[in-house]
Structures are given as structure tokens and as C-alpha cells.
């Protein structure tokens, strides 16, 4: 049974060797976050800004948080981190992060739309 999710790595259970899967196998990181990143720090030191920059998810969700412009309740956000393999793609621009719903091989905007490789799902 193959997956039909557009842009995600195919998972065919008839040919997939489960014994060889690791947390960094493309079939795994395509769909499941395998690394947890946490932020901790003092009020107004940019934790929510970092989360939004990496994942695109806004952590301020509730009315009292919006009014006070602070994040009070704990949240969770997934992100996928990509790298462009083209040798002419400049670093650090060759690395990009998008939300978890992004396809596995988005096109690089820096170097002639070459497909990027999915490196991590956090």
C-alpha cells in the first residue's frame, strides 16, 4: 500500500524493510518529526520569534496573549529543514526551513530552482 500524499516520500509496505529504518531514513523524516528542539529563556528574549522563523508557526494564539503581546501557554510546532545540493548555491542561503506540510523536494529559490534535499524534520 503506497502513500498518496502529494510531495511526500513513497512508503510501500510491500517493499519497505522496517528493520533498516532509522530516525533519519527519508521515509521516516518525510512524515514524522524525529528531533525535538526546545526553547527556554527570560520573558521577551525572542523565543517565539525563533520558533516562528524556523517553522512559520505563530505561537501567540490566545486573546490574552495577543493583547499583551506575549506567549503564555506552551505550544508545539513542526518544521522541515532543507539543503540545496547545488555547488553554486551560496551558504547559508542553501539551507531553508518550512512548515511541516511542505513537500519533500521543494525548489531552491537561490539557484535556478534546483530541487532541495530534506535533511531533518524537527
C-alpha atoms as a PDB file:
ATOM      1  CA  UNK A   1       0.000   0.000   0.000  1.00  0.00           C
ATOM      2  CA  UNK A   2       1.711   3.191  -1.169  1.00  0.00           C
ATOM      3  CA  UNK A   3       1.132   6.605   0.315  1.00  0.00           C
ATOM      4  CA  UNK A   4      -0.769   9.083  -1.818  1.00  0.00           C
ATOM      5  CA  UNK A   5       0.270  12.307  -0.076  1.00  0.00           C
ATOM      6  CA  UNK A   6       1.433  14.693  -2.775  1.00  0.00           C
ATOM      7  CA  UNK A   7       5.094  15.626  -2.467  1.00  0.00           C
ATOM      8  CA  UNK A   8       5.916  13.136   0.302  1.00  0.00           C
ATOM      9  CA  UNK A   9       8.285  10.188   0.043  1.00  0.00           C
ATOM     10  CA  UNK A  10       6.523   6.985  -1.050  1.00  0.00           C
ATOM     11  CA  UNK A  11       6.014   4.349   1.618  1.00  0.00           C
ATOM     12  CA  UNK A  12       5.248   0.997   0.039  1.00  0.00           C
ATOM     13  CA  UNK A  13       4.823  -1.534   2.854  1.00  0.00           C
ATOM     14  CA  UNK A  14       5.402  -4.428   0.453  1.00  0.00           C
ATOM     15  CA  UNK A  15       8.947  -3.280  -0.384  1.00  0.00           C
ATOM     16  CA  UNK A  16       9.841  -1.298   2.759  1.00  0.00           C
ATOM     17  CA  UNK A  17      12.287  -3.074   5.078  1.00  0.00           C
ATOM     18  CA  UNK A  18      11.216  -1.883   8.519  1.00  0.00           C
ATOM     19  CA  UNK A  19      14.319  -3.384  10.135  1.00  0.00           C
ATOM     20  CA  UNK A  20      16.533  -0.951   8.179  1.00  0.00           C
ATOM     21  CA  UNK A  21      14.594   2.198   9.098  1.00  0.00           C
ATOM     22  CA  UNK A  22      16.334   4.787  11.274  1.00  0.00           C
ATOM     23  CA  UNK A  23      15.152   8.191  12.566  1.00  0.00           C
ATOM     24  CA  UNK A  24      16.985   9.771   9.608  1.00  0.00           C
ATOM     25  CA  UNK A  25      15.591   7.488   6.888  1.00  0.00           C
ATOM     26  CA  UNK A  26      13.910   9.587   4.167  1.00  0.00           C
ATOM     27  CA  UNK A  27      10.716   7.533   4.516  1.00  0.00           C
ATOM     28  CA  UNK A  28      10.555   8.472   8.208  1.00  0.00           C
ATOM     29  CA  UNK A  29      11.548  12.150   8.196  1.00  0.00           C
ATOM     30  CA  UNK A  30       9.168  12.824   5.328  1.00  0.00           C
ATOM     31  CA  UNK A  31       6.203  12.380   7.678  1.00  0.00           C
ATOM     32  CA  UNK A  32       7.409  12.371  11.275  1.00  0.00           C
ATOM     33  CA  UNK A  33       9.469  14.818  13.295  1.00  0.00           C
ATOM     34  CA  UNK A  34      12.490  12.935  14.650  1.00  0.00           C
ATOM     35  CA  UNK A  35      14.238  15.690  16.629  1.00  0.00           C
ATOM     36  CA  UNK A  36      12.751  17.877  19.358  1.00  0.00           C
ATOM     37  CA  UNK A  37      14.080  21.383  19.872  1.00  0.00           C
ATOM     38  CA  UNK A  38      13.129  23.324  22.967  1.00  0.00           C
ATOM     39  CA  UNK A  39      13.399  26.997  23.796  1.00  0.00           C
ATOM     40  CA  UNK A  40      13.870  28.354  27.279  1.00  0.00           C
ATOM     41  CA  UNK A  41      14.689  31.831  28.443  1.00  0.00           C
ATOM     42  CA  UNK A  42      13.544  35.022  30.063  1.00  0.00           C
ATOM     43  CA  UNK A  43      10.459  36.996  29.050  1.00  0.00           C
ATOM     44  CA  UNK A  44      10.832  38.995  25.821  1.00  0.00           C
ATOM     45  CA  UNK A  45      14.108  37.399  24.743  1.00  0.00           C
ATOM     46  CA  UNK A  46      12.846  36.151  21.370  1.00  0.00           C
ATOM     47  CA  UNK A  47      11.876  32.508  21.923  1.00  0.00           C
ATOM     48  CA  UNK A  48       8.605  32.857  19.984  1.00  0.00           C
ATOM     49  CA  UNK A  49      10.407  34.766  17.244  1.00  0.00           C
ATOM     50  CA  UNK A  50      12.890  31.912  16.789  1.00  0.00           C
ATOM     51  CA  UNK A  51      10.079  29.337  16.614  1.00  0.00           C
ATOM     52  CA  UNK A  52       8.236  31.416  14.007  1.00  0.00           C
ATOM     53  CA  UNK A  53      11.413  31.929  11.949  1.00  0.00           C
ATOM     54  CA  UNK A  54      12.105  28.182  11.823  1.00  0.00           C
ATOM     55  CA  UNK A  55       8.598  26.760  11.456  1.00  0.00           C
ATOM     56  CA  UNK A  56       6.418  29.618  10.220  1.00  0.00           C
ATOM     57  CA  UNK A  57       4.021  28.955  13.122  1.00  0.00           C
ATOM     58  CA  UNK A  58       2.886  31.843  15.306  1.00  0.00           C
ATOM     59  CA  UNK A  59       2.986  30.807  18.957  1.00  0.00           C
ATOM     60  CA  UNK A  60       0.802  33.668  20.210  1.00  0.00           C
ATOM     61  CA  UNK A  61      -2.682  32.182  19.813  1.00  0.00           C
ATOM     62  CA  UNK A  62      -4.956  33.296  22.616  1.00  0.00           C
ATOM     63  CA  UNK A  63      -6.742  36.596  23.181  1.00  0.00           C
ATOM     64  CA  UNK A  64      -4.900  37.482  26.387  1.00  0.00           C
ATOM     65  CA  UNK A  65      -1.567  36.681  24.697  1.00  0.00           C
ATOM     66  CA  UNK A  66      -2.411  38.875  21.710  1.00  0.00           C
ATOM     67  CA  UNK A  67      -3.461  41.759  23.966  1.00  0.00           C
ATOM     68  CA  UNK A  68      -0.248  41.595  25.980  1.00  0.00           C
ATOM     69  CA  UNK A  69       1.970  40.552  23.012  1.00  0.00           C
ATOM     70  CA  UNK A  70       3.449  37.623  24.948  1.00  0.00           C
ATOM     71  CA  UNK A  71       3.224  33.832  24.768  1.00  0.00           C
ATOM     72  CA  UNK A  72       1.840  32.354  27.978  1.00  0.00           C
ATOM     73  CA  UNK A  73       0.773  28.807  27.128  1.00  0.00           C
ATOM     74  CA  UNK A  74       3.098  26.085  25.928  1.00  0.00           C
ATOM     75  CA  UNK A  75       2.989  25.312  22.238  1.00  0.00           C
ATOM     76  CA  UNK A  76       4.415  22.951  19.662  1.00  0.00           C
ATOM     77  CA  UNK A  77       5.429  23.479  16.050  1.00  0.00           C
ATOM     78  CA  UNK A  78       6.964  21.184  13.426  1.00  0.00           C
ATOM     79  CA  UNK A  79       9.354  22.263  10.698  1.00  0.00           C
ATOM     80  CA  UNK A  80      11.310  20.671   7.865  1.00  0.00           C
ATOM     81  CA  UNK A  81      14.896  21.720   7.167  1.00  0.00           C
ATOM     82  CA  UNK A  82      16.201  21.510   3.593  1.00  0.00           C
ATOM     83  CA  UNK A  83      19.569  21.908   1.872  1.00  0.00           C
ATOM     84  CA  UNK A  84      20.243  22.730  -1.774  1.00  0.00           C
ATOM     85  CA  UNK A  85      22.922  20.336  -3.119  1.00  0.00           C
ATOM     86  CA  UNK A  86      23.983  22.630  -5.984  1.00  0.00           C
ATOM     87  CA  UNK A  87      27.662  23.629  -5.610  1.00  0.00           C
ATOM     88  CA  UNK A  88      26.923  27.173  -6.799  1.00  0.00           C
ATOM     89  CA  UNK A  89      24.215  27.743  -4.162  1.00  0.00           C
ATOM     90  CA  UNK A  90      25.655  30.120  -1.553  1.00  0.00           C
ATOM     91  CA  UNK A  91      25.763  29.170   2.124  1.00  0.00           C
ATOM     92  CA  UNK A  92      23.912  29.821   4.395  1.00  0.00           C
ATOM     93  CA  UNK A  93      21.195  30.570   1.820  1.00  0.00           C
ATOM     94  CA  UNK A  94      21.419  26.949   0.642  1.00  0.00           C
ATOM     95  CA  UNK A  95      19.597  25.959   3.867  1.00  0.00           C
ATOM     96  CA  UNK A  96      15.882  26.697   4.256  1.00  0.00           C
ATOM     97  CA  UNK A  97      13.171  25.744   6.706  1.00  0.00           C
ATOM     98  CA  UNK A  98       9.453  25.457   6.062  1.00  0.00           C
ATOM     99  CA  UNK A  99       6.401  24.223   7.894  1.00  0.00           C
ATOM    100  CA  UNK A 100       5.810  20.519   8.265  1.00  0.00           C
ATOM    101  CA  UNK A 101       3.269  20.397   5.428  1.00  0.00           C
ATOM    102  CA  UNK A 102       5.865  21.331   2.764  1.00  0.00           C
ATOM    103  CA  UNK A 103       6.669  18.677   0.135  1.00  0.00           C
ATOM    104  CA  UNK A 104       9.932  16.735   0.356  1.00  0.00           C
ATOM    105  CA  UNK A 105      11.705  18.290  -2.655  1.00  0.00           C
ATOM    106  CA  UNK A 106      10.818  21.998  -2.931  1.00  0.00           C
ATOM    107  CA  UNK A 107      12.667  24.061  -5.499  1.00  0.00           C
ATOM    108  CA  UNK A 108      15.552  26.265  -4.351  1.00  0.00           C
ATOM    109  CA  UNK A 109      14.865  29.946  -4.938  1.00  0.00           C
ATOM    110  CA  UNK A 110      18.572  30.843  -4.731  1.00  0.00           C
ATOM    111  CA  UNK A 111      19.996  28.839  -7.633  1.00  0.00           C
ATOM    112  CA  UNK A 112      17.831  28.253 -10.690  1.00  0.00           C
ATOM    113  CA  UNK A 113      15.103  26.215  -8.983  1.00  0.00           C
ATOM    114  CA  UNK A 114      17.097  23.051  -8.250  1.00  0.00           C
ATOM    115  CA  UNK A 115      15.247  20.544  -6.014  1.00  0.00           C
ATOM    116  CA  UNK A 116      16.338  20.741  -2.371  1.00  0.00           C
ATOM    117  CA  UNK A 117      17.032  17.726  -0.155  1.00  0.00           C
ATOM    118  CA  UNK A 118      15.082  17.172   3.066  1.00  0.00           C
ATOM    119  CA  UNK A 119      17.683  16.964   5.866  1.00  0.00           C
ATOM    120  CA  UNK A 120      15.667  16.994   9.121  1.00  0.00           C
ATOM    121  CA  UNK A 121      12.090  17.103  10.379  1.00  0.00           C
ATOM    122  CA  UNK A 122      12.014  18.883  13.742  1.00  0.00           C
END
